[in-house]
Protein backbone atom coordinates (compact mmCIF):
# COMPACT_ATOMS: atom_id res chain seq x y z
CA UNK A 1 0.00 0.00 0.00
CA UNK A 2 1.39 3.39 -0.96
CA UNK A 3 1.89 6.28 1.45
CA UNK A 4 -1.31 8.15 0.51
CA UNK A 5 -3.48 5.05 0.98
CA UNK A 6 -1.77 4.32 4.30
CA UNK A 7 -2.45 7.85 5.58
CA UNK A 8 -6.03 7.64 4.30
CA UNK A 9 -6.61 4.34 6.14
CA UNK A 10 -5.18 5.72 9.39
CA UNK A 11 -7.27 8.91 9.22
CA UNK A 12 -10.44 6.92 8.51
CA UNK A 13 -9.71 4.53 11.39
CA UNK A 14 -9.01 7.46 13.71
CA UNK A 15 -12.31 9.11 12.75
CA UNK A 16 -14.28 5.89 13.20
CA UNK A 17 -12.65 5.04 16.52
CA UNK A 18 -13.07 8.63 17.72
CA UNK A 19 -16.80 8.46 16.91
CA UNK A 20 -17.17 5.13 18.74
CA UNK A 21 -15.33 6.49 21.76
CA UNK A 22 -17.42 9.67 21.82
CA UNK A 23 -20.74 7.82 21.53
CA UNK A 24 -20.10 4.79 23.71
CA UNK A 25 -16.88 4.72 25.76
CA UNK A 26 -16.64 8.43 26.57
CA UNK A 27 -13.00 8.07 27.62
CA UNK A 28 -10.30 10.72 27.12
CA UNK A 29 -9.95 10.63 23.36
CA UNK A 30 -6.32 9.50 23.20
CA UNK A 31 -6.84 6.64 25.63
CA UNK A 32 -10.14 5.69 24.02
CA UNK A 33 -8.58 5.56 20.55
CA UNK A 34 -5.76 3.34 21.77
CA UNK A 35 -8.10 0.97 23.61
CA UNK A 36 -10.35 0.55 20.56
CA UNK A 37 -7.36 0.06 18.23
CA UNK A 38 -5.79 -2.39 20.68
CA UNK A 39 -9.04 -4.36 20.98
CA UNK A 40 -9.41 -4.52 17.20
CA UNK A 41 -5.79 -5.61 16.82
CA UNK A 42 -6.16 -8.40 19.36
CA UNK A 43 -9.29 -9.56 17.54
CA UNK A 44 -7.32 -9.62 14.28
CA UNK A 45 -4.57 -11.67 15.93
CA UNK A 46 -7.14 -14.22 17.12
CA UNK A 47 -8.81 -14.34 13.69
CA UNK A 48 -5.46 -14.72 12.00
CA UNK A 49 -4.63 -17.67 14.27
CA UNK A 50 -7.69 -19.52 12.93
CA UNK A 51 -6.89 -18.70 9.31
CA UNK A 52 -9.26 -15.85 8.48
CA UNK A 53 -7.82 -14.22 5.36
CA UNK A 54 -8.91 -10.65 6.06
CA UNK A 55 -7.05 -10.75 9.37
CA UNK A 56 -3.83 -11.69 7.61
CA UNK A 57 -4.27 -8.81 5.17
CA UNK A 58 -4.86 -6.35 8.00
CA UNK A 59 -1.81 -7.67 9.80
CA UNK A 60 0.26 -7.20 6.64
CA UNK A 61 -1.00 -3.60 6.38
CA UNK A 62 0.08 -2.74 9.93
CA UNK A 63 3.38 -4.58 9.53
CA UNK A 64 4.10 -2.48 6.46
CA UNK A 65 3.94 0.78 8.42
CA UNK A 66 7.37 1.94 9.56
CA UNK A 67 6.34 3.12 13.03
CA UNK A 68 9.82 4.38 13.87
CA UNK A 69 9.98 6.46 10.67
CA UNK A 70 6.40 7.71 11.01
CA UNK A 71 6.92 8.95 14.56
CA UNK A 72 10.59 9.90 14.87
CA UNK A 73 10.95 11.46 11.41
CA UNK A 74 7.35 12.51 10.86
CA UNK A 75 4.93 13.34 13.64
CA UNK A 76 7.33 13.92 16.55
CA UNK A 77 8.58 17.36 15.52
CA UNK A 78 5.03 18.70 15.07
CA UNK A 79 3.83 17.27 18.38
CA UNK A 80 6.83 18.55 20.34
CA UNK A 81 6.51 22.03 18.87
CA UNK A 82 2.77 22.13 19.59
CA UNK A 83 3.45 21.10 23.20
CA UNK A 84 6.34 23.53 23.74
CA UNK A 85 4.32 26.37 22.20
CA UNK A 86 1.94 26.30 25.19
CA UNK A 87 4.57 26.09 27.96
CA UNK A 88 5.15 29.26 29.97
CA UNK A 89 8.89 29.91 29.92
CA UNK A 90 8.86 31.79 33.22
CA UNK A 91 7.21 28.84 34.96
CA UNK A 92 9.71 26.49 33.33
CA UNK A 93 12.72 28.62 34.32
CA UNK A 94 11.45 28.68 37.92
CA UNK A 95 11.70 24.86 37.89
CA UNK A 96 14.79 24.66 35.66
CA UNK A 97 17.14 22.84 38.03
CA UNK A 98 14.56 20.23 38.97
CA UNK A 99 13.57 19.73 35.32
CA UNK A 100 17.17 19.47 34.09
CA UNK A 101 18.10 17.05 36.88
CA UNK A 102 15.12 14.79 36.22
CA UNK A 103 15.69 14.94 32.45
CA UNK A 104 19.39 14.02 32.70
CA UNK A 105 20.51 12.41 35.96
CA UNK A 106 17.07 10.87 36.44
CA UNK A 107 17.09 9.22 33.00
CA UNK A 108 20.62 7.84 33.48
CA UNK A 109 19.74 6.53 36.94
CA UNK A 110 16.52 4.94 35.71
CA UNK A 111 18.30 3.33 32.75
CA UNK A 112 20.72 1.47 34.99
CA UNK A 113 18.12 0.54 37.62
CA UNK A 114 15.75 -0.87 34.98
CA UNK A 115 18.61 -2.58 33.12
CA UNK A 116 20.10 -4.22 36.20
CA UNK A 117 16.83 -5.41 37.75
CA UNK A 118 15.56 -6.61 34.37
CA UNK A 119 18.73 -8.57 33.73
CA UNK A 120 18.38 -10.59 36.91
CA UNK A 121 14.61 -11.03 36.89
CA UNK A 122 14.22 -11.71 33.16
CA UNK A 123 16.86 -14.39 33.29
CA UNK A 124 15.15 -16.00 36.28
CA UNK A 125 12.31 -16.87 33.89
CA UNK A 126 14.76 -18.06 31.23
CA UNK A 127 14.55 -15.14 28.81
CA UNK A 128 18.31 -15.24 28.20
CA UNK A 129 18.90 -11.54 27.54
CA UNK A 130 22.38 -10.01 27.80
CA UNK A 131 23.03 -7.19 30.25
CA UNK A 132 23.51 -4.75 27.36
CA UNK A 133 20.10 -5.78 25.99
CA UNK A 134 18.50 -5.00 29.34
CA UNK A 135 20.31 -1.65 29.49
CA UNK A 136 18.89 -0.87 26.04
CA UNK A 137 15.45 -1.63 27.42
CA UNK A 138 16.19 0.68 30.35
CA UNK A 139 17.26 3.48 28.00
CA UNK A 140 14.23 3.30 25.73
CA UNK A 141 11.66 2.93 28.52
CA UNK A 142 13.07 5.51 30.97
CA UNK A 143 12.20 8.78 29.17
CA UNK A 144 8.66 9.90 29.80
CA UNK A 145 6.81 10.58 26.57
CA UNK A 146 5.95 14.26 26.02
CA UNK A 147 3.15 13.36 23.63
CA UNK A 148 1.38 11.13 26.14
CA UNK A 149 2.18 13.35 29.12
CA UNK A 150 1.06 16.67 27.64
CA UNK A 151 -2.06 15.17 26.12
CA UNK A 152 -3.28 13.38 29.24
CA UNK A 153 -1.91 15.53 32.07
CA UNK A 154 -4.02 18.50 30.95
CA UNK A 155 -7.04 16.59 32.24
CA UNK A 156 -5.49 15.66 35.59
CA UNK A 157 -5.56 19.16 37.13
CA UNK A 158 -2.26 18.68 38.93
CA UNK A 159 -0.77 21.60 40.89
CA UNK A 160 0.78 24.10 38.48
CA UNK A 161 4.34 23.60 39.72
CA UNK A 162 4.09 19.81 39.45
CA UNK A 163 2.53 20.05 36.00
CA UNK A 164 5.42 22.27 34.89
CA UNK A 165 7.97 19.77 36.25
CA UNK A 166 6.38 16.77 34.55
CA UNK A 167 5.77 18.49 31.20
CA UNK A 168 9.16 20.23 31.22
CA UNK A 169 10.95 16.99 32.03
CA UNK A 170 9.08 15.07 29.35
CA UNK A 171 9.89 17.67 26.69
CA UNK A 172 13.64 17.35 27.31
CA UNK A 173 14.32 13.86 28.61
CA UNK A 174 13.50 12.12 25.35
CA UNK A 175 16.51 13.85 23.75
CA UNK A 176 18.75 12.62 26.59
CA UNK A 177 17.19 9.16 26.47
CA UNK A 178 17.77 8.88 22.72
CA UNK A 179 21.46 9.76 23.18
CA UNK A 180 21.85 7.10 25.90
CA UNK A 181 20.00 4.61 23.69
CA UNK A 182 22.29 5.33 20.71
CA UNK A 183 25.42 4.94 22.86
CA UNK A 184 24.24 1.61 24.28
CA UNK A 185 23.15 0.42 20.82
CA UNK A 186 26.62 1.25 19.51
CA UNK A 187 28.14 -0.79 22.34
CA UNK A 188 25.77 -3.68 21.62
CA UNK A 189 26.64 -3.69 17.91
CA UNK A 190 30.36 -2.83 17.97
CA UNK A 191 31.25 -4.19 21.37
CA UNK A 192 32.83 -1.04 22.82
CA UNK A 193 32.69 2.74 22.69
CA UNK A 194 35.28 5.11 24.14
CA UNK A 195 34.45 7.63 26.86
CA UNK A 196 35.48 10.36 24.43
CA UNK A 197 33.08 9.01 21.85
CA UNK A 198 30.23 9.04 24.36
CA UNK A 199 31.00 12.62 25.39
CA UNK A 200 31.28 13.74 21.75
CA UNK A 201 27.95 12.14 20.88
CA UNK A 202 26.25 13.80 23.84
CA UNK A 203 27.70 17.21 22.97
CA UNK A 204 26.71 16.83 19.31
CA UNK A 205 23.18 15.69 20.09
CA UNK A 206 22.18 17.68 23.17
CA UNK A 207 24.41 20.75 22.79
CA UNK A 208 23.92 20.85 19.04
CA UNK A 209 20.15 20.57 19.45
CA UNK A 210 20.17 23.50 21.87
CA UNK A 211 22.20 25.71 19.50
CA UNK A 212 20.17 24.76 16.43
CA UNK A 213 16.94 25.41 18.33
CA UNK A 214 18.09 28.86 19.42
CA UNK A 215 19.29 29.72 15.91
CA UNK A 216 16.19 28.63 14.00
CA UNK A 217 13.93 30.04 16.70
CA UNK A 218 15.63 33.45 16.47
CA UNK A 219 15.40 33.50 12.66
CA UNK A 220 11.71 32.57 12.78
CA UNK A 221 11.11 35.16 15.53
CA UNK A 222 12.63 37.92 13.39
CA UNK A 223 10.54 36.86 10.41
CA UNK A 224 7.36 36.77 12.49
CA UNK A 225 8.09 40.20 13.92
CA UNK A 226 8.46 41.73 10.45
CA UNK A 227 5.04 40.65 9.17
CA UNK A 228 1.43 40.74 10.30
CA UNK A 229 -0.25 38.24 7.98
CA UNK A 230 -1.38 35.16 9.88
CA UNK A 231 -1.31 32.85 6.84
CA UNK A 232 2.35 33.72 6.26
CA UNK A 233 3.18 33.42 9.96
CA UNK A 234 1.63 29.96 10.20
CA UNK A 235 3.69 28.93 7.17
CA UNK A 236 6.80 30.26 8.92
CA UNK A 237 6.12 28.08 11.98
CA UNK A 238 5.53 25.06 9.73
CA UNK A 239 8.83 25.71 7.97
CA UNK A 240 10.50 26.16 11.35
CA UNK A 241 9.34 22.74 12.53
CA UNK A 242 9.99 20.79 9.35
CA UNK A 243 13.14 22.57 8.22
CA UNK A 244 14.55 22.88 11.74
CA UNK A 245 14.14 19.18 12.49
CA UNK A 246 15.70 18.26 9.14
CA UNK A 247 18.60 20.67 9.69
CA UNK A 248 19.28 19.28 13.18
CA UNK A 249 19.29 15.72 11.85
CA UNK A 250 21.65 16.75 9.03
CA UNK A 251 24.03 18.30 11.57
CA UNK A 252 23.79 15.18 13.82
CA UNK A 253 22.16 17.27 16.52
CA UNK A 254 19.04 16.36 18.49
CA UNK A 255 15.99 17.25 16.42
CA UNK A 256 13.61 16.89 19.41
CA UNK A 257 15.64 19.29 21.58
CA UNK A 258 15.98 21.79 18.70
CA UNK A 259 12.22 21.83 18.08
CA UNK A 260 11.40 22.14 21.78
CA UNK A 261 13.79 25.10 22.22
CA UNK A 262 12.38 26.80 19.12
CA UNK A 263 8.82 26.16 20.33
CA UNK A 264 9.56 27.68 23.73
CA UNK A 265 11.10 30.74 22.08
CA UNK A 266 8.20 31.30 19.68
CA UNK A 267 5.57 30.46 22.28
CA UNK A 268 6.92 33.05 24.71
CA UNK A 269 8.95 35.85 23.11
CA UNK A 270 7.15 35.43 19.79
CA UNK A 271 3.77 35.47 21.53
CA UNK A 272 4.68 38.62 23.48
CA UNK A 273 6.56 40.69 20.92
CA UNK A 274 6.19 39.33 17.38
CA UNK A 275 2.53 38.49 16.76
CA UNK A 276 -0.75 40.35 16.84
CA UNK A 277 -3.75 39.11 18.79
CA UNK A 278 -5.44 38.01 15.55
CA UNK A 279 -2.37 36.02 14.48
CA UNK A 280 -2.11 34.40 17.91
CA UNK A 281 -5.71 33.22 17.74
CA UNK A 282 -5.19 31.64 14.32
CA UNK A 283 -1.77 30.21 15.25
CA UNK A 284 -2.99 28.64 18.49
CA UNK A 285 -6.06 27.19 16.75
CA UNK A 286 -3.93 25.78 13.93
CA UNK A 287 -1.37 24.10 16.18
CA UNK A 288 -4.04 22.83 18.56
CA UNK A 289 -5.75 21.19 15.58
CA UNK A 290 -2.46 19.71 14.32
CA UNK A 291 -1.74 18.42 17.82
CA UNK A 292 -5.16 16.77 18.19
CA UNK A 293 -5.14 15.21 14.71
CA UNK A 294 -1.63 13.78 14.95
CA UNK A 295 -2.23 12.58 18.51
CA UNK A 296 -5.33 10.74 17.35
CA UNK A 297 -3.44 9.01 14.54
CA UNK A 298 -0.48 8.23 16.81
CA UNK A 299 -2.57 6.59 19.53
CA UNK A 300 -4.40 4.53 16.92
CA UNK A 301 -1.00 3.46 15.57
CA UNK A 302 0.17 2.47 19.05
CA UNK A 303 -2.94 0.33 19.42
CA UNK A 304 -2.44 -1.30 16.02
CA UNK A 305 1.22 -2.18 16.62
CA UNK A 306 0.14 -5.11 18.79
CA UNK A 307 -0.48 -7.20 15.64
CA UNK A 308 3.28 -7.13 14.94
CA UNK A 309 4.48 -8.39 18.32
CA UNK A 310 5.12 -11.94 19.47
CA UNK A 311 2.85 -13.57 22.05
CA UNK A 312 4.94 -15.98 24.10
CA UNK A 313 4.36 -17.01 27.67
CA UNK A 314 7.83 -15.93 28.80
CA UNK A 315 7.35 -12.53 27.11
CA UNK A 316 4.06 -12.02 28.94
CA UNK A 317 5.73 -13.02 32.21
CA UNK A 318 8.48 -10.52 31.49
CA UNK A 319 5.87 -7.76 30.97
CA UNK A 320 4.39 -8.51 34.40
CA UNK A 321 7.88 -8.17 35.87
CA UNK A 322 8.81 -5.10 33.82
CA UNK A 323 5.84 -2.96 34.89
CA UNK A 324 6.77 -2.83 38.61
CA UNK A 325 10.47 -2.56 37.70
CA UNK A 326 9.83 0.54 35.59
CA UNK A 327 7.58 2.09 38.24
CA UNK A 328 10.14 1.38 40.99
CA UNK A 329 12.96 2.87 38.93
CA UNK A 330 10.84 5.94 38.24
CA UNK A 331 10.06 6.29 41.96
CA UNK A 332 13.76 6.13 42.86
CA UNK A 333 15.03 8.31 40.01
CA UNK A 334 12.59 11.13 40.82
CA UNK A 335 12.42 10.54 44.57
CA UNK A 336 16.13 10.98 45.27
CA UNK A 337 16.45 14.31 43.39
CA UNK A 338 13.23 15.57 44.99
CA UNK A 339 14.57 14.69 48.45
CA UNK A 340 17.79 16.59 47.74
CA UNK A 341 16.01 19.64 46.35
CA UNK A 342 13.57 19.60 49.28
CA UNK A 343 16.47 20.67 51.51
CA UNK A 344 16.42 24.11 49.90
CA UNK A 345 12.81 24.48 48.72
CA UNK A 346 9.31 23.13 49.31
CA UNK A 347 7.46 20.68 47.10
CA UNK A 348 3.81 19.81 46.80
CA UNK A 349 2.65 17.06 49.10
CA UNK A 350 3.27 13.59 47.61
CA UNK A 351 5.19 15.15 44.73
CA UNK A 352 7.24 11.97 44.21
CA UNK A 353 4.10 9.85 43.95
CA UNK A 354 2.50 12.16 41.39
CA UNK A 355 5.73 12.46 39.38
CA UNK A 356 6.08 8.67 39.41
CA UNK A 357 2.54 7.88 38.32
CA UNK A 358 2.39 10.83 35.91
CA UNK A 359 5.57 9.78 34.10
CA UNK A 360 3.80 8.14 31.18
CA UNK A 361 5.57 6.13 28.49
CA UNK A 362 4.36 6.25 24.92
CA UNK A 363 5.15 6.14 21.24
CA UNK A 364 8.80 7.16 21.53
CA UNK A 365 9.61 4.03 23.56
CA UNK A 366 7.82 1.84 21.02
CA UNK A 367 9.58 3.57 18.13
CA UNK A 368 13.02 3.07 19.71
CA UNK A 369 12.27 -0.60 20.37
CA UNK A 370 11.17 -1.11 16.77
CA UNK A 371 14.41 0.55 15.59
CA UNK A 372 16.51 -2.21 17.15
CA UNK A 373 18.39 -4.30 14.59
CA UNK A 374 17.16 -7.86 13.93
CA UNK A 375 18.45 -10.30 16.49
CA UNK A 376 17.41 -12.79 19.17
CA UNK A 377 16.62 -10.06 21.70
CA UNK A 378 14.59 -7.74 19.46
CA UNK A 379 11.25 -9.57 19.61
CA UNK A 380 11.47 -9.83 23.39
CA UNK A 381 12.32 -6.14 23.87
CA UNK A 382 9.61 -4.94 21.45
CA UNK A 383 6.94 -7.05 23.16
CA UNK A 384 7.99 -6.06 26.70
CA UNK A 385 8.19 -2.39 25.73
CA UNK A 386 4.75 -2.49 24.19
CA UNK A 387 3.29 -4.11 27.31
CA UNK A 388 4.77 -1.43 29.58
CA UNK A 389 3.61 1.38 27.28
CA UNK A 390 0.07 -0.02 27.06
CA UNK A 391 -0.11 -0.25 30.86
CA UNK A 392 1.28 3.26 31.21
CA UNK A 393 -1.14 4.94 28.82
CA UNK A 394 -4.27 3.00 29.76
CA UNK A 395 -3.90 2.32 33.50
CA UNK A 396 -1.76 5.27 34.58
CA UNK A 397 -3.43 7.62 32.10
CA UNK A 398 -6.94 6.75 33.32
CA UNK A 399 -6.03 6.98 37.01
CA UNK A 400 -3.63 9.95 37.19
CA UNK A 401 -6.52 12.34 37.90
CA UNK A 402 -7.55 10.19 40.88
CA UNK A 403 -3.98 10.02 42.13
CA UNK A 404 -3.67 13.81 41.95
CA UNK A 405 -7.06 14.31 43.63
CA UNK A 406 -6.15 12.01 46.52
CA UNK A 407 -2.81 13.68 47.09
CA UNK A 408 -3.45 16.38 49.65
CA UNK A 409 -1.44 19.13 48.03
CA UNK A 410 -0.01 22.28 49.53
CA UNK A 411 1.52 25.22 47.63
CA UNK A 412 5.13 24.62 46.53
């Protein structure tokens, strides 16, 4: 199936599932879309197992979609920009040290906690994964997903400071997580990587993404300030997202970080000094629509991916082990920094609990797992990752509002 037909099928499925959710399930749209797509996919797997031809064709259609390419090189830049566009920079700067610590030290800590615990527990059930394979799993599952977090956390009504921490962390930690993942993947493939090579890769990706984001954001800001035609200004932001992400990738810098930085710049300084009220209304409406449409398609895609994974008893056992491992690592990796920062400032009551449960995993983890090279560990890691992501979006996503409501908060 060609690209146009694939996009058409996904849009039609998203519309149909959205209608079903609105009429019958009445769940938050992103979670509802994923649940319906997941249910349909599981039904197709069962039908395929008894030889129903249409199920095999549907499975071939989903298998033919390059999820990693669709998300990492397609939708991600638009979704990150739309999310960053709505973040208040002053609020983010007030939480900068907490956000940066959680997005860097927290991700590294979580990677090694998940990798180490997984290595011992997975091999207790005979999965036979190497330590480097488990570290790869730790790297791809540790970053919280900005797409899932921003989309679902808006409904949770968390305290403003906690919401800023979670959203700010999720916007930046995927860039750090991708760098860690690439380093570990290089070690897994080549056998070793020098400390200098790791440092160079981090500087190129994270530092380069920061510089590219500032540069493209400044250029776009100057262009926006020199015109007052909302059609042209929307086109400028589109060019900023698409061209900026492509430029960052060409320069071997982090495209996600570049787009987030540019989005923060345009969403704050551009909003205050470069755009008229009329332009802002059209720009916000446009990017809100882009965000909702792409989120709908993405969550349908996440639900459909289940037809491509392997159902083995030991994989299912590993998922049941991985879920508490990931939650425990999240609790430790946010709890320790919060305890240290609490020596010099106050935090909302049960901040660690809310940060732990609100740290949702999503499409980025699935995309990284699907990008793994073919090998004996790939099927296991893809299946385990999918199980953790499905639990995170459905269970944590549906209950985060209750967790926030039950946490007796006090001003931070």
